[in-house]
Structure formats: structure tokens, C-alpha cells
Amino acid sequence: MELHDGEMEKMYRLGHWTDGKDGPLLVGFKNYEQKEQIITNLRKFKESSIAKFKRVSVADDLHPNERLEIKNMVEEAKKRHVEEEGDSTENYWFKVVGHGSKKKVIKIGKQSYLA
């Protein structure tokens, strides 16, 4: 993916600079599609033969209200799973996918994911 001048809204280091130590960066893009494209292609960093890219990790920087909403959605999905299936939630991961009003919780079996 190529980025051109003006496509990033902001980029700055979080925390204090320590010589010889990598630190986190906060990067903001002008549009949501660019961020999604980078997240989608993140696996290419991990598969790269360049060692410094193998240590790169990316995470969404969510507003505290968004984190609380996601936490509540996952807890509700787990509660529904126990009520409907009568099964423990320990064999599943619950993940929120989607954007904006189209968010939903999906359930992933740990065994099928690791296979």
C-alpha cells in the first residue's frame, strides 16, 4: 500500500523516548478505508523476510465509551450463549466485528481456530 502526503492526519510517539528501544506510535488516517486496508494487509508484515517488521503490532485506539460498548456486547453474547447452548464459554472466543452501527459479535471455536 502506498501512502501519499496529506493522507495521514497525525503521527506521534506515545510515551518517552528511550535510546535503543522501540516505542508505540499513534497514527491517524484521514479516512477509515485506509486504516482498514492496513489492518487487512497486516499479515504481510508478519510474513515479511525483514526482521524489524515481524515485531510490528497494530491495534485500534478506541474511545473509552467504545471500549465499554464492546465489552458489554461481548458479555451479553457470552450470557446468551450460556442460556441458549447450556455450554461453557471457555471453548470460544467472542469478537466484535463491523463498524459503526453494523457492529456484531461473532463466536469462534478455539479448536477450529487453532486447527
PDB file of N, CA and C in Angstrom:
ATOM      1  N   MET A   1       0.841  -1.180   0.000  1.00  0.00           N
ATOM      2  CA  MET A   1       0.000   0.000   0.000  1.00  0.00           C
ATOM      3  C   MET A   1       0.881   1.236   0.000  1.00  0.00           C
ATOM      4  N   GLU A   2       0.517   2.196  -0.778  1.00  0.00           N
ATOM      5  CA  GLU A   2       1.258   3.444  -0.823  1.00  0.00           C
ATOM      6  C   GLU A   2       0.466   4.536  -0.129  1.00  0.00           C
ATOM      7  N   LEU A   3       1.156   5.326   0.657  1.00  0.00           N
ATOM      8  CA  LEU A   3       0.551   6.495   1.282  1.00  0.00           C
ATOM      9  C   LEU A   3       1.206   7.737   0.704  1.00  0.00           C
ATOM     10  N   HIS A   4       0.413   8.732   0.448  1.00  0.00           N
ATOM     11  CA  HIS A   4       0.900   9.977  -0.121  1.00  0.00           C
ATOM     12  C   HIS A   4       0.796  11.097   0.913  1.00  0.00           C
ATOM     13  N   ASP A   5       1.500  12.189   0.643  1.00  0.00           N
ATOM     14  CA  ASP A   5       1.458  13.337   1.545  1.00  0.00           C
ATOM     15  C   ASP A   5       0.022  13.757   1.810  1.00  0.00           C
ATOM     16  N   GLY A   6      -0.268  14.014   3.052  1.00  0.00           N
ATOM     17  CA  GLY A   6      -1.586  14.506   3.426  1.00  0.00           C
ATOM     18  C   GLY A   6      -2.610  13.428   3.717  1.00  0.00           C
ATOM     19  N   GLU A   7      -2.287  12.131   3.503  1.00  0.00           N
ATOM     20  CA  GLU A   7      -3.254  11.064   3.772  1.00  0.00           C
ATOM     21  C   GLU A   7      -3.278  10.662   5.247  1.00  0.00           C
ATOM     22  N   MET A   8      -2.185  10.959   5.956  1.00  0.00           N
ATOM     23  CA  MET A   8      -2.169  10.705   7.394  1.00  0.00           C
ATOM     24  C   MET A   8      -2.531  12.003   8.100  1.00  0.00           C
ATOM     25  N   GLU A   9      -3.439  11.889   9.025  1.00  0.00           N
ATOM     26  CA  GLU A   9      -3.887  13.055   9.766  1.00  0.00           C
ATOM     27  C   GLU A   9      -2.906  13.419  10.871  1.00  0.00           C
ATOM     28  N   LYS A  10      -2.374  12.379  11.547  1.00  0.00           N
ATOM     29  CA  LYS A  10      -1.434  12.615  12.642  1.00  0.00           C
ATOM     30  C   LYS A  10      -0.562  11.386  12.816  1.00  0.00           C
ATOM     31  N   MET A  11       0.616  11.599  13.380  1.00  0.00           N
ATOM     32  CA  MET A  11       1.508  10.509  13.739  1.00  0.00           C
ATOM     33  C   MET A  11       2.471  11.037  14.789  1.00  0.00           C
ATOM     34  N   TYR A  12       2.425  10.429  15.967  1.00  0.00           N
ATOM     35  CA  TYR A  12       3.369  10.830  17.003  1.00  0.00           C
ATOM     36  C   TYR A  12       3.628   9.677  17.958  1.00  0.00           C
ATOM     37  N   ARG A  13       4.789   9.758  18.606  1.00  0.00           N
ATOM     38  CA  ARG A  13       5.229   8.730  19.543  1.00  0.00           C
ATOM     39  C   ARG A  13       4.499   8.893  20.868  1.00  0.00           C
ATOM     40  N   LEU A  14       4.092   7.763  21.425  1.00  0.00           N
ATOM     41  CA  LEU A  14       3.471   7.746  22.744  1.00  0.00           C
ATOM     42  C   LEU A  14       4.535   7.407  23.781  1.00  0.00           C
ATOM     43  N   GLY A  15       4.516   8.085  24.889  1.00  0.00           N
ATOM     44  CA  GLY A  15       5.481   7.814  25.950  1.00  0.00           C
ATOM     45  C   GLY A  15       6.795   8.531  25.725  1.00  0.00           C
ATOM     46  N   HIS A  16       7.762   8.185  26.531  1.00  0.00           N
ATOM     47  CA  HIS A  16       9.075   8.835  26.482  1.00  0.00           C
ATOM     48  C   HIS A  16      10.023   8.076  25.563  1.00  0.00           C
ATOM     49  N   TRP A  17      10.913   8.808  24.936  1.00  0.00           N
ATOM     50  CA  TRP A  17      11.918   8.217  24.069  1.00  0.00           C
ATOM     51  C   TRP A  17      12.991   7.556  24.924  1.00  0.00           C
ATOM     52  N   THR A  18      13.312   6.306  24.611  1.00  0.00           N
ATOM     53  CA  THR A  18      14.390   5.593  25.268  1.00  0.00           C
ATOM     54  C   THR A  18      15.336   5.109  24.181  1.00  0.00           C
ATOM     55  N   ASP A  19      16.597   5.451  24.319  1.00  0.00           N
ATOM     56  CA  ASP A  19      17.585   5.103  23.296  1.00  0.00           C
ATOM     57  C   ASP A  19      17.668   3.589  23.124  1.00  0.00           C
ATOM     58  N   GLY A  20      17.572   3.118  21.889  1.00  0.00           N
ATOM     59  CA  GLY A  20      17.694   1.696  21.600  1.00  0.00           C
ATOM     60  C   GLY A  20      16.439   0.887  21.847  1.00  0.00           C
ATOM     61  N   LYS A  21      15.356   1.545  22.183  1.00  0.00           N
ATOM     62  CA  LYS A  21      14.113   0.820  22.471  1.00  0.00           C
ATOM     63  C   LYS A  21      13.004   1.348  21.562  1.00  0.00           C
ATOM     64  N   ASP A  22      12.270   0.410  20.954  1.00  0.00           N
ATOM     65  CA  ASP A  22      11.140   0.798  20.111  1.00  0.00           C
ATOM     66  C   ASP A  22       9.966   1.184  20.989  1.00  0.00           C
ATOM     67  N   GLY A  23       9.191   2.126  20.511  1.00  0.00           N
ATOM     68  CA  GLY A  23       8.029   2.560  21.279  1.00  0.00           C
ATOM     69  C   GLY A  23       6.807   2.659  20.392  1.00  0.00           C
ATOM     70  N   PRO A  24       5.653   2.775  20.995  1.00  0.00           N
ATOM     71  CA  PRO A  24       4.420   2.827  20.214  1.00  0.00           C
ATOM     72  C   PRO A  24       4.232   4.177  19.507  1.00  0.00           C
ATOM     73  N   LEU A  25       3.575   4.117  18.368  1.00  0.00           N
ATOM     74  CA  LEU A  25       3.204   5.307  17.611  1.00  0.00           C
ATOM     75  C   LEU A  25       1.694   5.361  17.516  1.00  0.00           C
ATOM     76  N   LEU A  26       1.142   6.545  17.554  1.00  0.00           N
ATOM     77  CA  LEU A  26      -0.274   6.747  17.287  1.00  0.00           C
ATOM     78  C   LEU A  26      -0.360   7.350  15.899  1.00  0.00           C
ATOM     79  N   VAL A  27      -1.056   6.661  15.008  1.00  0.00           N
ATOM     80  CA  VAL A  27      -1.187   7.115  13.626  1.00  0.00           C
ATOM     81  C   VAL A  27      -2.665   7.281  13.336  1.00  0.00           C
ATOM     82  N   GLY A  28      -3.035   8.435  12.811  1.00  0.00           N
ATOM     83  CA  GLY A  28      -4.418   8.702  12.425  1.00  0.00           C
ATOM     84  C   GLY A  28      -4.490   8.950  10.930  1.00  0.00           C
ATOM     85  N   PHE A  29      -5.440   8.306  10.279  1.00  0.00           N
ATOM     86  CA  PHE A  29      -5.618   8.463   8.842  1.00  0.00           C
ATOM     87  C   PHE A  29      -6.814   9.354   8.558  1.00  0.00           C
ATOM     88  N   LYS A  30      -6.809   9.984   7.395  1.00  0.00           N
ATOM     89  CA  LYS A  30      -7.907  10.886   7.030  1.00  0.00           C
ATOM     90  C   LYS A  30      -9.195  10.133   6.736  1.00  0.00           C
ATOM     91  N   ASN A  31      -9.083   8.900   6.227  1.00  0.00           N
ATOM     92  CA  ASN A  31     -10.323   8.157   6.006  1.00  0.00           C
ATOM     93  C   ASN A  31     -10.202   6.727   6.533  1.00  0.00           C
ATOM     94  N   TYR A  32     -11.339   6.176   6.870  1.00  0.00           N
ATOM     95  CA  TYR A  32     -11.435   4.877   7.520  1.00  0.00           C
ATOM     96  C   TYR A  32     -10.945   3.760   6.606  1.00  0.00           C
ATOM     97  N   GLU A  33     -11.138   3.872   5.296  1.00  0.00           N
ATOM     98  CA  GLU A  33     -10.765   2.823   4.355  1.00  0.00           C
ATOM     99  C   GLU A  33      -9.258   2.572   4.356  1.00  0.00           C
ATOM    100  N   GLN A  34      -8.470   3.628   4.514  1.00  0.00           N
ATOM    101  CA  GLN A  34      -7.012   3.463   4.565  1.00  0.00           C
ATOM    102  C   GLN A  34      -6.607   2.640   5.780  1.00  0.00           C
ATOM    103  N   LYS A  35      -7.200   2.941   6.913  1.00  0.00           N
ATOM    104  CA  LYS A  35      -6.895   2.190   8.131  1.00  0.00           C
ATOM    105  C   LYS A  35      -7.283   0.726   7.964  1.00  0.00           C
ATOM    106  N   GLU A  36      -8.449   0.481   7.416  1.00  0.00           N
ATOM    107  CA  GLU A  36      -8.911  -0.888   7.217  1.00  0.00           C
ATOM    108  C   GLU A  36      -8.012  -1.643   6.249  1.00  0.00           C
ATOM    109  N   GLN A  37      -7.530  -0.976   5.222  1.00  0.00           N
ATOM    110  CA  GLN A  37      -6.640  -1.620   4.265  1.00  0.00           C
ATOM    111  C   GLN A  37      -5.327  -2.023   4.931  1.00  0.00           C
ATOM    112  N   ILE A  38      -4.808  -1.185   5.796  1.00  0.00           N
ATOM    113  CA  ILE A  38      -3.575  -1.512   6.512  1.00  0.00           C
ATOM    114  C   ILE A  38      -3.806  -2.677   7.461  1.00  0.00           C
ATOM    115  N   ILE A  39      -4.896  -2.663   8.198  1.00  0.00           N
ATOM    116  CA  ILE A  39      -5.192  -3.756   9.133  1.00  0.00           C
ATOM    117  C   ILE A  39      -5.384  -5.065   8.366  1.00  0.00           C
ATOM    118  N   THR A  40      -6.065  -5.003   7.232  1.00  0.00           N
ATOM    119  CA  THR A  40      -6.299  -6.193   6.428  1.00  0.00           C
ATOM    120  C   THR A  40      -4.991  -6.784   5.914  1.00  0.00           C
ATOM    121  N   ASN A  41      -4.047  -5.949   5.561  1.00  0.00           N
ATOM    122  CA  ASN A  41      -2.780  -6.413   4.992  1.00  0.00           C
ATOM    123  C   ASN A  41      -1.673  -6.566   6.028  1.00  0.00           C
ATOM    124  N   LEU A  42      -2.004  -6.489   7.298  1.00  0.00           N
ATOM    125  CA  LEU A  42      -1.002  -6.576   8.357  1.00  0.00           C
ATOM    126  C   LEU A  42      -0.252  -7.904   8.329  1.00  0.00           C
ATOM    127  N   ARG A  43      -0.906  -8.959   7.923  1.00  0.00           N
ATOM    128  CA  ARG A  43      -0.254 -10.270   7.887  1.00  0.00           C
ATOM    129  C   ARG A  43       0.961 -10.262   6.966  1.00  0.00           C
ATOM    130  N   LYS A  44       0.978  -9.380   5.963  1.00  0.00           N
ATOM    131  CA  LYS A  44       2.123  -9.287   5.061  1.00  0.00           C
ATOM    132  C   LYS A  44       3.361  -8.789   5.797  1.00  0.00           C
ATOM    133  N   PHE A  45       3.173  -7.939   6.827  1.00  0.00           N
ATOM    134  CA  PHE A  45       4.296  -7.536   7.675  1.00  0.00           C
ATOM    135  C   PHE A  45       4.879  -8.758   8.378  1.00  0.00           C
ATOM    136  N   LYS A  46       3.996  -9.561   8.957  1.00  0.00           N
ATOM    137  CA  LYS A  46       4.431 -10.714   9.731  1.00  0.00           C
ATOM    138  C   LYS A  46       5.119 -11.758   8.843  1.00  0.00           C
ATOM    139  N   GLU A  47       4.674 -11.885   7.597  1.00  0.00           N
ATOM    140  CA  GLU A  47       5.245 -12.869   6.674  1.00  0.00           C
ATOM    141  C   GLU A  47       6.494 -12.340   5.977  1.00  0.00           C
ATOM    142  N   SER A  48       6.814 -11.081   6.164  1.00  0.00           N
ATOM    143  CA  SER A  48       7.959 -10.454   5.513  1.00  0.00           C
ATOM    144  C   SER A  48       9.264 -11.076   5.982  1.00  0.00           C
ATOM    145  N   SER A  49      10.261 -11.059   5.112  1.00  0.00           N
ATOM    146  CA  SER A  49      11.578 -11.577   5.490  1.00  0.00           C
ATOM    147  C   SER A  49      12.392 -10.527   6.248  1.00  0.00           C
ATOM    148  N   ILE A  50      11.867  -9.319   6.363  1.00  0.00           N
ATOM    149  CA  ILE A  50      12.553  -8.257   7.078  1.00  0.00           C
ATOM    150  C   ILE A  50      12.238  -8.380   8.568  1.00  0.00           C
ATOM    151  N   ALA A  51      13.274  -8.599   9.366  1.00  0.00           N
ATOM    152  CA  ALA A  51      13.102  -8.912  10.794  1.00  0.00           C
ATOM    153  C   ALA A  51      12.382  -7.814  11.563  1.00  0.00           C
ATOM    154  N   LYS A  52      12.646  -6.545  11.261  1.00  0.00           N
ATOM    155  CA  LYS A  52      12.041  -5.474  12.051  1.00  0.00           C
ATOM    156  C   LYS A  52      10.528  -5.402  11.865  1.00  0.00           C
ATOM    157  N   PHE A  53      10.012  -5.897  10.746  1.00  0.00           N
ATOM    158  CA  PHE A  53       8.564  -5.883  10.524  1.00  0.00           C
ATOM    159  C   PHE A  53       7.858  -6.999  11.271  1.00  0.00           C
ATOM    160  N   LYS A  54       8.557  -8.037  11.647  1.00  0.00           N
ATOM    161  CA  LYS A  54       7.935  -9.154  12.362  1.00  0.00           C
ATOM    162  C   LYS A  54       7.489  -8.745  13.762  1.00  0.00           C
ATOM    163  N   ARG A  55       8.092  -7.685  14.307  1.00  0.00           N
ATOM    164  CA  ARG A  55       7.752  -7.224  15.661  1.00  0.00           C
ATOM    165  C   ARG A  55       6.661  -6.155  15.660  1.00  0.00           C
ATOM    166  N   VAL A  56       6.176  -5.767  14.486  1.00  0.00           N
ATOM    167  CA  VAL A  56       5.162  -4.718  14.401  1.00  0.00           C
ATOM    168  C   VAL A  56       3.808  -5.279  14.820  1.00  0.00           C
ATOM    169  N   SER A  57       3.120  -4.545  15.662  1.00  0.00           N
ATOM    170  CA  SER A  57       1.748  -4.915  16.006  1.00  0.00           C
ATOM    171  C   SER A  57       0.879  -3.671  15.856  1.00  0.00           C
ATOM    172  N   VAL A  58      -0.381  -3.893  15.517  1.00  0.00           N
ATOM    173  CA  VAL A  58      -1.315  -2.800  15.282  1.00  0.00           C
ATOM    174  C   VAL A  58      -2.571  -3.062  16.096  1.00  0.00           C
ATOM    175  N   ALA A  59      -3.089  -2.029  16.718  1.00  0.00           N
ATOM    176  CA  ALA A  59      -4.326  -2.149  17.487  1.00  0.00           C
ATOM    177  C   ALA A  59      -5.142  -0.873  17.299  1.00  0.00           C
ATOM    178  N   ASP A  60      -6.446  -1.021  17.357  1.00  0.00           N
ATOM    179  CA  ASP A  60      -7.324   0.145  17.279  1.00  0.00           C
ATOM    180  C   ASP A  60      -7.194   0.970  18.548  1.00  0.00           C
ATOM    181  N   ASP A  61      -7.190   2.278  18.394  1.00  0.00           N
ATOM    182  CA  ASP A  61      -7.189   3.188  19.532  1.00  0.00           C
ATOM    183  C   ASP A  61      -8.635   3.631  19.710  1.00  0.00           C
ATOM    184  N   LEU A  62      -9.322   3.018  20.648  1.00  0.00           N
ATOM    185  CA  LEU A  62     -10.748   3.266  20.824  1.00  0.00           C
ATOM    186  C   LEU A  62     -11.001   4.270  21.943  1.00  0.00           C
ATOM    187  N   HIS A  63     -12.079   5.001  21.796  1.00  0.00           N
ATOM    188  CA  HIS A  63     -12.553   5.899  22.840  1.00  0.00           C
ATOM    189  C   HIS A  63     -13.037   5.029  24.004  1.00  0.00           C
ATOM    190  N   PRO A  64     -12.896   5.489  25.240  1.00  0.00           N
ATOM    191  CA  PRO A  64     -13.356   4.688  26.383  1.00  0.00           C
ATOM    192  C   PRO A  64     -14.810   4.233  26.264  1.00  0.00           C
ATOM    193  N   ASN A  65     -15.684   5.053  25.698  1.00  0.00           N
ATOM    194  CA  ASN A  65     -17.084   4.645  25.510  1.00  0.00           C
ATOM    195  C   ASN A  65     -17.201   3.491  24.529  1.00  0.00           C
ATOM    196  N   GLU A  66     -16.360   3.493  23.482  1.00  0.00           N
ATOM    197  CA  GLU A  66     -16.372   2.399  22.512  1.00  0.00           C
ATOM    198  C   GLU A  66     -15.872   1.105  23.152  1.00  0.00           C
ATOM    199  N   ARG A  67     -14.827   1.204  23.968  1.00  0.00           N
ATOM    200  CA  ARG A  67     -14.324   0.013  24.667  1.00  0.00           C
ATOM    201  C   ARG A  67     -15.394  -0.565  25.587  1.00  0.00           C
ATOM    202  N   LEU A  68     -16.112   0.299  26.295  1.00  0.00           N
ATOM    203  CA  LEU A  68     -17.175  -0.158  27.187  1.00  0.00           C
ATOM    204  C   LEU A  68     -18.306  -0.808  26.394  1.00  0.00           C
ATOM    205  N   GLU A  69     -18.665  -0.220  25.258  1.00  0.00           N
ATOM    206  CA  GLU A  69     -19.716  -0.792  24.406  1.00  0.00           C
ATOM    207  C   GLU A  69     -19.324  -2.185  23.921  1.00  0.00           C
ATOM    208  N   ILE A  70     -18.079  -2.346  23.483  1.00  0.00           N
ATOM    209  CA  ILE A  70     -17.602  -3.647  23.002  1.00  0.00           C
ATOM    210  C   ILE A  70     -17.590  -4.660  24.144  1.00  0.00           C
ATOM    211  N   LYS A  71     -17.133  -4.243  25.310  1.00  0.00           N
ATOM    212  CA  LYS A  71     -17.105  -5.129  26.471  1.00  0.00           C
ATOM    213  C   LYS A  71     -18.520  -5.598  26.815  1.00  0.00           C
ATOM    214  N   ASN A  72     -19.483  -4.684  26.803  1.00  0.00           N
ATOM    215  CA  ASN A  72     -20.872  -5.036  27.104  1.00  0.00           C
ATOM    216  C   ASN A  72     -21.459  -5.970  26.052  1.00  0.00           C
ATOM    217  N   MET A  73     -21.128  -5.737  24.780  1.00  0.00           N
ATOM    218  CA  MET A  73     -21.618  -6.611  23.702  1.00  0.00           C
ATOM    219  C   MET A  73     -21.091  -8.034  23.875  1.00  0.00           C
ATOM    220  N   VAL A  74     -19.819  -8.171  24.228  1.00  0.00           N
ATOM    221  CA  VAL A  74     -19.214  -9.492  24.413  1.00  0.00           C
ATOM    222  C   VAL A  74     -19.820 -10.187  25.629  1.00  0.00           C
ATOM    223  N   GLU A  75     -19.986  -9.461  26.724  1.00  0.00           N
ATOM    224  CA  GLU A  75     -20.592 -10.056  27.924  1.00  0.00           C
ATOM    225  C   GLU A  75     -22.008 -10.534  27.644  1.00  0.00           C
ATOM    226  N   GLU A  76     -22.788  -9.746  26.912  1.00  0.00           N
ATOM    227  CA  GLU A  76     -24.159 -10.127  26.557  1.00  0.00           C
ATOM    228  C   GLU A  76     -24.163 -11.364  25.669  1.00  0.00           C
ATOM    229  N   ALA A  77     -23.244 -11.438  24.712  1.00  0.00           N
ATOM    230  CA  ALA A  77     -23.161 -12.601  23.829  1.00  0.00           C
ATOM    231  C   ALA A  77     -22.788 -13.861  24.612  1.00  0.00           C
ATOM    232  N   LYS A  78     -21.876 -13.724  25.568  1.00  0.00           N
ATOM    233  CA  LYS A  78     -21.494 -14.868  26.397  1.00  0.00           C
ATOM    234  C   LYS A  78     -22.669 -15.347  27.234  1.00  0.00           C
ATOM    235  N   LYS A  79     -23.425 -14.393  27.789  1.00  0.00           N
ATOM    236  CA  LYS A  79     -24.588 -14.744  28.607  1.00  0.00           C
ATOM    237  C   LYS A  79     -25.643 -15.467  27.757  1.00  0.00           C
ATOM    238  N   ARG A  80     -25.889 -14.960  26.543  1.00  0.00           N
ATOM    239  CA  ARG A  80     -26.842 -15.610  25.633  1.00  0.00           C
ATOM    240  C   ARG A  80     -26.379 -17.007  25.257  1.00  0.00           C
ATOM    241  N   HIS A  81     -25.077 -17.168  25.038  1.00  0.00           N
ATOM    242  CA  HIS A  81     -24.524 -18.474  24.681  1.00  0.00           C
ATOM    243  C   HIS A  81     -24.787 -19.492  25.795  1.00  0.00           C
ATOM    244  N   VAL A  82     -24.529 -19.094  27.032  1.00  0.00           N
ATOM    245  CA  VAL A  82     -24.739 -20.000  28.164  1.00  0.00           C
ATOM    246  C   VAL A  82     -26.218 -20.351  28.293  1.00  0.00           C
ATOM    247  N   GLU A  83     -27.108 -19.362  28.115  1.00  0.00           N
ATOM    248  CA  GLU A  83     -28.550 -19.608  28.245  1.00  0.00           C
ATOM    249  C   GLU A  83     -29.074 -20.501  27.123  1.00  0.00           C
ATOM    250  N   GLU A  84     -28.637 -20.256  25.882  1.00  0.00           N
ATOM    251  CA  GLU A  84     -29.175 -20.989  24.733  1.00  0.00           C
ATOM    252  C   GLU A  84     -28.517 -22.346  24.537  1.00  0.00           C
ATOM    253  N   GLU A  85     -27.205 -22.410  24.699  1.00  0.00           N
ATOM    254  CA  GLU A  85     -26.470 -23.641  24.426  1.00  0.00           C
ATOM    255  C   GLU A  85     -26.287 -24.489  25.681  1.00  0.00           C
ATOM    256  N   GLY A  86     -26.329 -23.852  26.839  1.00  0.00           N
ATOM    257  CA  GLY A  86     -26.073 -24.572  28.083  1.00  0.00           C
ATOM    258  C   GLY A  86     -24.617 -25.020  28.188  1.00  0.00           C
ATOM    259  N   ASP A  87     -23.763 -24.404  27.407  1.00  0.00           N
ATOM    260  CA  ASP A  87     -22.353 -24.775  27.306  1.00  0.00           C
ATOM    261  C   ASP A  87     -21.499 -23.665  27.903  1.00  0.00           C
ATOM    262  N   SER A  88     -20.323 -24.023  28.372  1.00  0.00           N
ATOM    263  CA  SER A  88     -19.388 -23.041  28.902  1.00  0.00           C
ATOM    264  C   SER A  88     -18.816 -22.188  27.769  1.00  0.00           C
ATOM    265  N   THR A  89     -18.377 -21.000  28.098  1.00  0.00           N
ATOM    266  CA  THR A  89     -17.809 -20.113  27.085  1.00  0.00           C
ATOM    267  C   THR A  89     -16.300 -20.292  26.942  1.00  0.00           C
ATOM    268  N   GLU A  90     -15.697 -21.173  27.739  1.00  0.00           N
ATOM    269  CA  GLU A  90     -14.238 -21.284  27.738  1.00  0.00           C
ATOM    270  C   GLU A  90     -13.677 -21.862  26.432  1.00  0.00           C
ATOM    271  N   ASN A  91     -14.489 -22.534  25.643  1.00  0.00           N
ATOM    272  CA  ASN A  91     -14.024 -23.104  24.375  1.00  0.00           C
ATOM    273  C   ASN A  91     -14.252 -22.175  23.187  1.00  0.00           C
ATOM    274  N   TYR A  92     -14.626 -20.930  23.460  1.00  0.00           N
ATOM    275  CA  TYR A  92     -14.945 -19.983  22.385  1.00  0.00           C
ATOM    276  C   TYR A  92     -14.303 -18.634  22.640  1.00  0.00           C
ATOM    277  N   TRP A  93     -14.003 -17.951  21.548  1.00  0.00           N
ATOM    278  CA  TRP A  93     -13.633 -16.540  21.587  1.00  0.00           C
ATOM    279  C   TRP A  93     -14.814 -15.768  21.067  1.00  0.00           C
ATOM    280  N   PHE A  94     -15.130 -14.658  21.686  1.00  0.00           N
ATOM    281  CA  PHE A  94     -16.190 -13.773  21.237  1.00  0.00           C
ATOM    282  C   PHE A  94     -15.534 -12.484  20.776  1.00  0.00           C
ATOM    283  N   LYS A  95     -15.802 -12.105  19.536  1.00  0.00           N
ATOM    284  CA  LYS A  95     -15.128 -10.953  18.953  1.00  0.00           C
ATOM    285  C   LYS A  95     -16.152 -10.042  18.293  1.00  0.00           C
ATOM    286  N   VAL A  96     -15.984  -8.739  18.489  1.00  0.00           N
ATOM    287  CA  VAL A  96     -16.862  -7.760  17.860  1.00  0.00           C
ATOM    288  C   VAL A  96     -16.262  -7.399  16.510  1.00  0.00           C
ATOM    289  N   VAL A  97     -17.074  -7.511  15.468  1.00  0.00           N
ATOM    290  CA  VAL A  97     -16.648  -7.158  14.116  1.00  0.00           C
ATOM    291  C   VAL A  97     -17.613  -6.115  13.571  1.00  0.00           C
ATOM    292  N   GLY A  98     -17.183  -5.420  12.550  1.00  0.00           N
ATOM    293  CA  GLY A  98     -18.026  -4.403  11.940  1.00  0.00           C
ATOM    294  C   GLY A  98     -17.652  -3.023  12.414  1.00  0.00           C
ATOM    295  N   HIS A  99     -18.332  -2.053  11.859  1.00  0.00           N
ATOM    296  CA  HIS A  99     -18.007  -0.653  12.120  1.00  0.00           C
ATOM    297  C   HIS A  99     -19.294   0.129  12.319  1.00  0.00           C
ATOM    298  N   GLY A 100     -19.264   1.063  13.244  1.00  0.00           N
ATOM    299  CA  GLY A 100     -20.418   1.938  13.473  1.00  0.00           C
ATOM    300  C   GLY A 100     -21.620   1.174  13.964  1.00  0.00           C
ATOM    301  N   SER A 101     -22.760   1.393  13.324  1.00  0.00           N
ATOM    302  CA  SER A 101     -23.998   0.743  13.757  1.00  0.00           C
ATOM    303  C   SER A 101     -24.081  -0.701  13.266  1.00  0.00           C
ATOM    304  N   LYS A 102     -23.118  -1.153  12.471  1.00  0.00           N
ATOM    305  CA  LYS A 102     -23.129  -2.516  11.927  1.00  0.00           C
ATOM    306  C   LYS A 102     -22.277  -3.475  12.747  1.00  0.00           C
ATOM    307  N   LYS A 103     -21.944  -3.109  13.969  1.00  0.00           N
ATOM    308  CA  LYS A 103     -21.149  -3.983  14.825  1.00  0.00           C
ATOM    309  C   LYS A 103     -21.974  -5.181  15.238  1.00  0.00           C
ATOM    310  N   LYS A 104     -21.313  -6.344  15.303  1.00  0.00           N
ATOM    311  CA  LYS A 104     -21.960  -7.543  15.821  1.00  0.00           C
ATOM    312  C   LYS A 104     -20.905  -8.425  16.447  1.00  0.00           C
ATOM    313  N   VAL A 105     -21.342  -9.349  17.284  1.00  0.00           N
ATOM    314  CA  VAL A 105     -20.430 -10.263  17.969  1.00  0.00           C
ATOM    315  C   VAL A 105     -20.458 -11.589  17.238  1.00  0.00           C
ATOM    316  N   ILE A 106     -19.255 -12.105  16.941  1.00  0.00           N
ATOM    317  CA  ILE A 106     -19.166 -13.438  16.363  1.00  0.00           C
ATOM    318  C   ILE A 106     -18.516 -14.363  17.382  1.00  0.00           C
ATOM    319  N   LYS A 107     -18.837 -15.640  17.255  1.00  0.00           N
ATOM    320  CA  LYS A 107     -18.311 -16.652  18.164  1.00  0.00           C
ATOM    321  C   LYS A 107     -17.390 -17.563  17.361  1.00  0.00           C
ATOM    322  N   ILE A 108     -16.155 -17.742  17.844  1.00  0.00           N
ATOM    323  CA  ILE A 108     -15.170 -18.563  17.155  1.00  0.00           C
ATOM    324  C   ILE A 108     -14.769 -19.698  18.083  1.00  0.00           C
ATOM    325  N   GLY A 109     -14.909 -20.919  17.599  1.00  0.00           N
ATOM    326  CA  GLY A 109     -14.470 -22.068  18.384  1.00  0.00           C
ATOM    327  C   GLY A 109     -12.956 -22.109  18.450  1.00  0.00           C
ATOM    328  N   LYS A 110     -12.408 -22.244  19.630  1.00  0.00           N
ATOM    329  CA  LYS A 110     -10.948 -22.228  19.791  1.00  0.00           C
ATOM    330  C   LYS A 110     -10.297 -23.383  19.049  1.00  0.00           C
ATOM    331  N   GLN A 111     -10.901 -24.559  19.050  1.00  0.00           N
ATOM    332  CA  GLN A 111     -10.330 -25.708  18.362  1.00  0.00           C
ATOM    333  C   GLN A 111     -10.292 -25.509  16.852  1.00  0.00           C
ATOM    334  N   SER A 112     -11.365 -24.967  16.276  1.00  0.00           N
ATOM    335  CA  SER A 112     -11.393 -24.751  14.834  1.00  0.00           C
ATOM    336  C   SER A 112     -10.447 -23.648  14.432  1.00  0.00           C
ATOM    337  N   TYR A 113     -10.216 -22.686  15.317  1.00  0.00           N
ATOM    338  CA  TYR A 113      -9.314 -21.573  15.029  1.00  0.00           C
ATOM    339  C   TYR A 113      -7.862 -22.039  15.036  1.00  0.00           C
ATOM    340  N   LEU A 114      -7.519 -22.915  15.964  1.00  0.00           N
ATOM    341  CA  LEU A 114      -6.145 -23.370  16.103  1.00  0.00           C
ATOM    342  C   LEU A 114      -5.784 -24.456  15.094  1.00  0.00           C
ATOM    343  N   ALA A 115      -6.768 -25.076  14.476  1.00  0.00           N
ATOM    344  CA  ALA A 115      -6.501 -26.167  13.522  1.00  0.00           C
ATOM    345  C   ALA A 115      -5.938 -25.670  12.221  1.00  0.00           C
TER     346      ALA A 115
END
